[in-house]
Amino acid sequence: MPVAVILVILYAIYNPSESQYFPKCPFFALTGCKCPGCGSQRAIHYLLNFNIFNAIKENVLLVVAIPYLLFSISVDTTNKLTGKLSECRKILSGKKSIYIILFIIITFWIARNLIHC
């Protein structure tokens, strides 16, 4: 947990696009095209600084996925899954959901490179 707190502080203070210490995307370096995660570090920086517009410009998929991820993590870390919470977990983690998420990621990857690559 302390590592996560340190990372949050670093991403809040430093903009990854203005610092050489943050990792760069190897896919982008090799191809010049963006992967689905490109811009995520900058988007996190902007979100931590309450600049939602720029976060969406950097990586809209990450911004949209954060509520889903936070809800999924909170459901998974709940010790006692009963009733509707158990059903939510099945829906969020089911095979169908995984395929839908994969489809969304691949579609986003193709679409952003049709525009930028």
N, C-alpha and C. Protein backbone atom coordinates (compact mmCIF):
# COMPACT_ATOMS: atom_id res chain seq x y z
N MET A 1 0.81 -1.21 0.00
CA MET A 1 0.00 0.00 0.00
C MET A 1 0.85 1.27 0.00
N PRO A 2 1.95 1.33 0.76
CA PRO A 2 2.77 2.55 0.74
C PRO A 2 3.30 2.87 -0.66
N VAL A 3 3.60 1.85 -1.45
CA VAL A 3 4.10 2.09 -2.81
C VAL A 3 3.02 2.78 -3.65
N ALA A 4 1.78 2.33 -3.49
CA ALA A 4 0.67 2.94 -4.22
C ALA A 4 0.50 4.41 -3.85
N VAL A 5 0.62 4.71 -2.58
CA VAL A 5 0.50 6.10 -2.11
C VAL A 5 1.62 6.95 -2.71
N ILE A 6 2.82 6.42 -2.72
CA ILE A 6 3.95 7.15 -3.31
C ILE A 6 3.72 7.39 -4.79
N LEU A 7 3.23 6.38 -5.51
CA LEU A 7 2.96 6.54 -6.94
C LEU A 7 1.88 7.59 -7.19
N VAL A 8 0.84 7.58 -6.38
CA VAL A 8 -0.22 8.57 -6.53
C VAL A 8 0.34 9.98 -6.33
N ILE A 9 1.18 10.15 -5.33
CA ILE A 9 1.78 11.45 -5.07
C ILE A 9 2.67 11.87 -6.24
N LEU A 10 3.50 10.95 -6.74
CA LEU A 10 4.38 11.27 -7.87
C LEU A 10 3.58 11.65 -9.11
N TYR A 11 2.53 10.87 -9.40
CA TYR A 11 1.71 11.17 -10.59
C TYR A 11 0.92 12.46 -10.42
N ALA A 12 0.57 12.80 -9.21
CA ALA A 12 -0.15 14.06 -8.97
C ALA A 12 0.78 15.26 -9.17
N ILE A 13 2.02 15.12 -8.73
CA ILE A 13 2.96 16.24 -8.77
C ILE A 13 3.61 16.41 -10.15
N TYR A 14 4.08 15.30 -10.71
CA TYR A 14 4.85 15.37 -11.96
C TYR A 14 4.03 14.93 -13.16
N ASN A 15 4.10 15.72 -14.22
CA ASN A 15 3.44 15.37 -15.47
C ASN A 15 4.37 14.42 -16.25
N PRO A 16 3.93 13.19 -16.54
CA PRO A 16 4.78 12.23 -17.23
C PRO A 16 5.30 12.71 -18.58
N SER A 17 4.59 13.60 -19.25
CA SER A 17 5.06 14.09 -20.55
C SER A 17 6.19 15.11 -20.41
N GLU A 18 6.37 15.64 -19.21
CA GLU A 18 7.42 16.63 -18.98
C GLU A 18 8.58 16.06 -18.16
N SER A 19 8.56 14.76 -17.88
CA SER A 19 9.60 14.15 -17.06
C SER A 19 10.18 12.94 -17.78
N GLN A 20 11.47 12.80 -17.70
CA GLN A 20 12.14 11.68 -18.35
C GLN A 20 12.14 10.42 -17.49
N TYR A 21 11.66 10.50 -16.27
CA TYR A 21 11.72 9.38 -15.34
C TYR A 21 10.54 8.40 -15.46
N PHE A 22 9.50 8.79 -16.14
CA PHE A 22 8.37 7.90 -16.31
C PHE A 22 8.60 7.01 -17.53
N PRO A 23 8.17 5.75 -17.47
CA PRO A 23 8.41 4.84 -18.60
C PRO A 23 7.66 5.28 -19.86
N LYS A 24 8.28 5.05 -20.99
CA LYS A 24 7.67 5.37 -22.28
C LYS A 24 7.08 4.09 -22.88
N CYS A 25 6.14 4.22 -23.76
CA CYS A 25 5.47 3.07 -24.38
C CYS A 25 6.40 2.41 -25.41
N PRO A 26 6.74 1.14 -25.20
CA PRO A 26 7.60 0.46 -26.17
C PRO A 26 6.91 0.23 -27.52
N PHE A 27 5.60 0.01 -27.50
CA PHE A 27 4.86 -0.19 -28.76
C PHE A 27 4.92 1.08 -29.61
N PHE A 28 4.71 2.23 -28.98
CA PHE A 28 4.77 3.50 -29.69
C PHE A 28 6.18 3.77 -30.20
N ALA A 29 7.19 3.44 -29.39
CA ALA A 29 8.58 3.66 -29.78
C ALA A 29 8.95 2.82 -31.00
N LEU A 30 8.41 1.60 -31.08
CA LEU A 30 8.73 0.71 -32.19
C LEU A 30 7.93 1.00 -33.46
N THR A 31 6.65 1.36 -33.29
CA THR A 31 5.76 1.47 -34.45
C THR A 31 5.33 2.89 -34.79
N GLY A 32 5.36 3.79 -33.82
CA GLY A 32 4.83 5.13 -34.04
C GLY A 32 3.32 5.18 -33.92
N CYS A 33 2.71 4.04 -33.62
CA CYS A 33 1.26 3.97 -33.41
C CYS A 33 0.99 3.82 -31.92
N LYS A 34 -0.22 4.22 -31.50
CA LYS A 34 -0.57 4.18 -30.09
C LYS A 34 -1.21 2.84 -29.71
N CYS A 35 -0.82 2.33 -28.55
CA CYS A 35 -1.47 1.14 -28.00
C CYS A 35 -2.69 1.61 -27.19
N PRO A 36 -3.53 0.69 -26.72
CA PRO A 36 -4.70 1.12 -25.93
C PRO A 36 -4.33 1.85 -24.64
N GLY A 37 -3.13 1.63 -24.14
CA GLY A 37 -2.71 2.25 -22.89
C GLY A 37 -1.97 3.57 -23.06
N CYS A 38 -1.60 3.91 -24.29
CA CYS A 38 -0.87 5.17 -24.51
C CYS A 38 -1.67 6.36 -23.97
N GLY A 39 -0.99 7.18 -23.22
CA GLY A 39 -1.64 8.35 -22.64
C GLY A 39 -2.20 8.10 -21.25
N SER A 40 -2.12 6.85 -20.77
CA SER A 40 -2.69 6.52 -19.46
C SER A 40 -1.98 7.24 -18.33
N GLN A 41 -0.67 7.32 -18.39
CA GLN A 41 0.07 8.01 -17.33
C GLN A 41 -0.30 9.49 -17.28
N ARG A 42 -0.39 10.10 -18.45
CA ARG A 42 -0.77 11.52 -18.49
C ARG A 42 -2.22 11.69 -18.03
N ALA A 43 -3.09 10.75 -18.42
CA ALA A 43 -4.49 10.82 -18.00
C ALA A 43 -4.61 10.70 -16.48
N ILE A 44 -3.82 9.81 -15.88
CA ILE A 44 -3.83 9.67 -14.42
C ILE A 44 -3.36 10.97 -13.77
N HIS A 45 -2.31 11.56 -14.32
CA HIS A 45 -1.82 12.84 -13.79
C HIS A 45 -2.94 13.89 -13.84
N TYR A 46 -3.60 13.99 -14.97
CA TYR A 46 -4.66 14.99 -15.10
C TYR A 46 -5.84 14.70 -14.17
N LEU A 47 -6.21 13.43 -14.03
CA LEU A 47 -7.31 13.08 -13.13
C LEU A 47 -6.97 13.42 -11.68
N LEU A 48 -5.75 13.15 -11.28
CA LEU A 48 -5.33 13.47 -9.91
C LEU A 48 -5.30 14.97 -9.66
N ASN A 49 -5.23 15.74 -10.73
CA ASN A 49 -5.26 17.20 -10.62
C ASN A 49 -6.61 17.77 -11.05
N PHE A 50 -7.63 16.91 -11.12
CA PHE A 50 -9.02 17.28 -11.41
C PHE A 50 -9.19 17.97 -12.77
N ASN A 51 -8.37 17.59 -13.73
CA ASN A 51 -8.48 18.11 -15.09
C ASN A 51 -9.04 17.01 -15.98
N ILE A 52 -10.33 16.80 -15.88
CA ILE A 52 -10.98 15.68 -16.56
C ILE A 52 -10.93 15.83 -18.08
N PHE A 53 -11.08 17.04 -18.58
CA PHE A 53 -11.06 17.26 -20.03
C PHE A 53 -9.75 16.78 -20.64
N ASN A 54 -8.62 17.17 -20.07
CA ASN A 54 -7.32 16.72 -20.60
C ASN A 54 -7.11 15.22 -20.40
N ALA A 55 -7.62 14.68 -19.30
CA ALA A 55 -7.52 13.24 -19.07
C ALA A 55 -8.25 12.48 -20.18
N ILE A 56 -9.42 12.95 -20.55
CA ILE A 56 -10.19 12.31 -21.63
C ILE A 56 -9.46 12.44 -22.95
N LYS A 57 -8.84 13.59 -23.19
CA LYS A 57 -8.06 13.77 -24.42
C LYS A 57 -6.88 12.80 -24.49
N GLU A 58 -6.27 12.50 -23.37
CA GLU A 58 -5.10 11.61 -23.35
C GLU A 58 -5.48 10.15 -23.53
N ASN A 59 -6.50 9.68 -22.80
CA ASN A 59 -6.93 8.29 -22.93
C ASN A 59 -8.34 8.14 -22.38
N VAL A 60 -9.31 8.27 -23.25
CA VAL A 60 -10.71 8.20 -22.86
C VAL A 60 -11.06 6.83 -22.31
N LEU A 61 -10.45 5.79 -22.84
CA LEU A 61 -10.75 4.43 -22.38
C LEU A 61 -10.39 4.26 -20.90
N LEU A 62 -9.27 4.78 -20.50
CA LEU A 62 -8.88 4.70 -19.09
C LEU A 62 -9.87 5.45 -18.21
N VAL A 63 -10.23 6.64 -18.61
CA VAL A 63 -11.15 7.46 -17.81
C VAL A 63 -12.50 6.76 -17.65
N VAL A 64 -12.99 6.15 -18.72
CA VAL A 64 -14.27 5.44 -18.67
C VAL A 64 -14.14 4.15 -17.85
N ALA A 65 -12.98 3.51 -17.91
CA ALA A 65 -12.78 2.23 -17.23
C ALA A 65 -12.58 2.36 -15.72
N ILE A 66 -12.16 3.51 -15.24
CA ILE A 66 -11.85 3.66 -13.81
C ILE A 66 -13.05 3.32 -12.91
N PRO A 67 -14.26 3.82 -13.16
CA PRO A 67 -15.37 3.43 -12.28
C PRO A 67 -15.62 1.91 -12.29
N TYR A 68 -15.52 1.30 -13.47
CA TYR A 68 -15.69 -0.16 -13.58
C TYR A 68 -14.63 -0.88 -12.76
N LEU A 69 -13.37 -0.44 -12.89
CA LEU A 69 -12.27 -1.07 -12.16
C LEU A 69 -12.43 -0.90 -10.65
N LEU A 70 -12.75 0.30 -10.22
CA LEU A 70 -12.91 0.55 -8.78
C LEU A 70 -14.06 -0.27 -8.20
N PHE A 71 -15.17 -0.34 -8.94
CA PHE A 71 -16.30 -1.14 -8.47
C PHE A 71 -15.94 -2.62 -8.43
N SER A 72 -15.26 -3.10 -9.46
CA SER A 72 -14.85 -4.51 -9.50
C SER A 72 -13.91 -4.85 -8.36
N ILE A 73 -12.95 -3.97 -8.11
CA ILE A 73 -12.00 -4.20 -7.01
C ILE A 73 -12.72 -4.21 -5.67
N SER A 74 -13.64 -3.27 -5.50
CA SER A 74 -14.36 -3.22 -4.22
C SER A 74 -15.23 -4.46 -4.02
N VAL A 75 -15.84 -4.96 -5.08
CA VAL A 75 -16.64 -6.19 -4.98
C VAL A 75 -15.73 -7.38 -4.69
N ASP A 76 -14.59 -7.45 -5.36
CA ASP A 76 -13.67 -8.57 -5.16
C ASP A 76 -13.05 -8.58 -3.77
N THR A 77 -12.86 -7.43 -3.17
CA THR A 77 -12.24 -7.38 -1.85
C THR A 77 -13.25 -7.48 -0.71
N THR A 78 -14.52 -7.50 -1.05
CA THR A 78 -15.55 -7.68 -0.03
C THR A 78 -15.53 -9.14 0.41
N ASN A 79 -15.42 -9.34 1.69
CA ASN A 79 -15.29 -10.70 2.22
C ASN A 79 -16.58 -11.51 2.11
N LYS A 80 -17.69 -10.85 2.27
CA LYS A 80 -18.96 -11.56 2.31
C LYS A 80 -19.80 -11.17 1.10
N LEU A 81 -19.79 -12.03 0.08
CA LEU A 81 -20.58 -11.76 -1.12
C LEU A 81 -21.93 -12.46 -1.01
N THR A 82 -22.99 -11.66 -0.98
CA THR A 82 -24.32 -12.24 -0.89
C THR A 82 -25.25 -11.51 -1.84
N GLY A 83 -26.27 -12.20 -2.28
CA GLY A 83 -27.33 -11.60 -3.06
C GLY A 83 -26.88 -10.85 -4.29
N LYS A 84 -27.24 -9.58 -4.36
CA LYS A 84 -26.97 -8.76 -5.53
C LYS A 84 -25.48 -8.53 -5.76
N LEU A 85 -24.71 -8.44 -4.68
CA LEU A 85 -23.27 -8.24 -4.80
C LEU A 85 -22.62 -9.44 -5.47
N SER A 86 -23.08 -10.62 -5.12
CA SER A 86 -22.57 -11.85 -5.73
C SER A 86 -22.95 -11.90 -7.21
N GLU A 87 -24.17 -11.48 -7.52
CA GLU A 87 -24.61 -11.43 -8.93
C GLU A 87 -23.80 -10.42 -9.73
N CYS A 88 -23.52 -9.26 -9.14
CA CYS A 88 -22.70 -8.23 -9.81
C CYS A 88 -21.32 -8.77 -10.13
N ARG A 89 -20.74 -9.50 -9.19
CA ARG A 89 -19.41 -10.07 -9.42
C ARG A 89 -19.45 -11.04 -10.60
N LYS A 90 -20.48 -11.88 -10.66
CA LYS A 90 -20.61 -12.83 -11.76
C LYS A 90 -20.74 -12.11 -13.10
N ILE A 91 -21.50 -11.03 -13.11
CA ILE A 91 -21.70 -10.28 -14.35
C ILE A 91 -20.41 -9.57 -14.76
N LEU A 92 -19.75 -8.92 -13.81
CA LEU A 92 -18.53 -8.16 -14.11
C LEU A 92 -17.35 -9.04 -14.49
N SER A 93 -17.29 -10.25 -13.94
CA SER A 93 -16.14 -11.12 -14.16
C SER A 93 -16.46 -12.32 -15.05
N GLY A 94 -17.65 -12.35 -15.60
CA GLY A 94 -18.05 -13.49 -16.41
C GLY A 94 -17.36 -13.52 -17.77
N LYS A 95 -17.47 -14.66 -18.41
CA LYS A 95 -16.84 -14.88 -19.71
C LYS A 95 -17.34 -13.87 -20.75
N LYS A 96 -18.63 -13.61 -20.73
CA LYS A 96 -19.21 -12.66 -21.68
C LYS A 96 -18.62 -11.26 -21.49
N SER A 97 -18.47 -10.86 -20.23
CA SER A 97 -17.90 -9.54 -19.91
C SER A 97 -16.46 -9.43 -20.39
N ILE A 98 -15.70 -10.50 -20.22
CA ILE A 98 -14.30 -10.49 -20.65
C ILE A 98 -14.22 -10.29 -22.16
N TYR A 99 -15.07 -10.98 -22.90
CA TYR A 99 -15.08 -10.82 -24.37
C TYR A 99 -15.52 -9.42 -24.79
N ILE A 100 -16.49 -8.86 -24.08
CA ILE A 100 -16.95 -7.50 -24.39
C ILE A 100 -15.82 -6.49 -24.13
N ILE A 101 -15.14 -6.64 -23.01
CA ILE A 101 -14.03 -5.75 -22.68
C ILE A 101 -12.91 -5.88 -23.70
N LEU A 102 -12.58 -7.11 -24.09
CA LEU A 102 -11.55 -7.33 -25.12
C LEU A 102 -11.95 -6.67 -26.43
N PHE A 103 -13.21 -6.80 -26.82
CA PHE A 103 -13.70 -6.17 -28.04
C PHE A 103 -13.58 -4.65 -27.96
N ILE A 104 -13.93 -4.07 -26.82
CA ILE A 104 -13.84 -2.62 -26.64
C ILE A 104 -12.39 -2.16 -26.74
N ILE A 105 -11.48 -2.89 -26.11
CA ILE A 105 -10.07 -2.50 -26.15
C ILE A 105 -9.51 -2.57 -27.57
N ILE A 106 -9.81 -3.64 -28.28
CA ILE A 106 -9.31 -3.79 -29.66
C ILE A 106 -9.91 -2.73 -30.57
N THR A 107 -11.20 -2.46 -30.41
CA THR A 107 -11.86 -1.43 -31.22
C THR A 107 -11.25 -0.06 -30.94
N PHE A 108 -11.01 0.24 -29.67
CA PHE A 108 -10.37 1.51 -29.29
C PHE A 108 -8.98 1.60 -29.90
N TRP A 109 -8.22 0.53 -29.84
CA TRP A 109 -6.86 0.48 -30.39
C TRP A 109 -6.87 0.79 -31.88
N ILE A 110 -7.77 0.16 -32.60
CA ILE A 110 -7.85 0.38 -34.06
C ILE A 110 -8.31 1.81 -34.36
N ALA A 111 -9.36 2.25 -33.67
CA ALA A 111 -9.94 3.56 -33.94
C ALA A 111 -8.95 4.69 -33.67
N ARG A 112 -8.22 4.61 -32.57
CA ARG A 112 -7.30 5.71 -32.26
C ARG A 112 -6.14 5.74 -33.23
N ASN A 113 -5.79 4.62 -33.84
CA ASN A 113 -4.70 4.61 -34.80
C ASN A 113 -5.17 4.98 -36.21
N LEU A 114 -6.45 4.84 -36.48
CA LEU A 114 -6.99 5.34 -37.75
C LEU A 114 -6.92 6.86 -37.77
N ILE A 115 -7.04 7.44 -36.59
CA ILE A 115 -7.02 8.90 -36.47
C ILE A 115 -5.58 9.42 -36.34
N HIS A 116 -4.74 8.74 -35.55
CA HIS A 116 -3.42 9.30 -35.20
C HIS A 116 -2.23 8.68 -35.91
N CYS A 117 -2.34 7.50 -36.45
CA CYS A 117 -1.16 6.81 -36.96
C CYS A 117 -0.98 7.03 -38.45
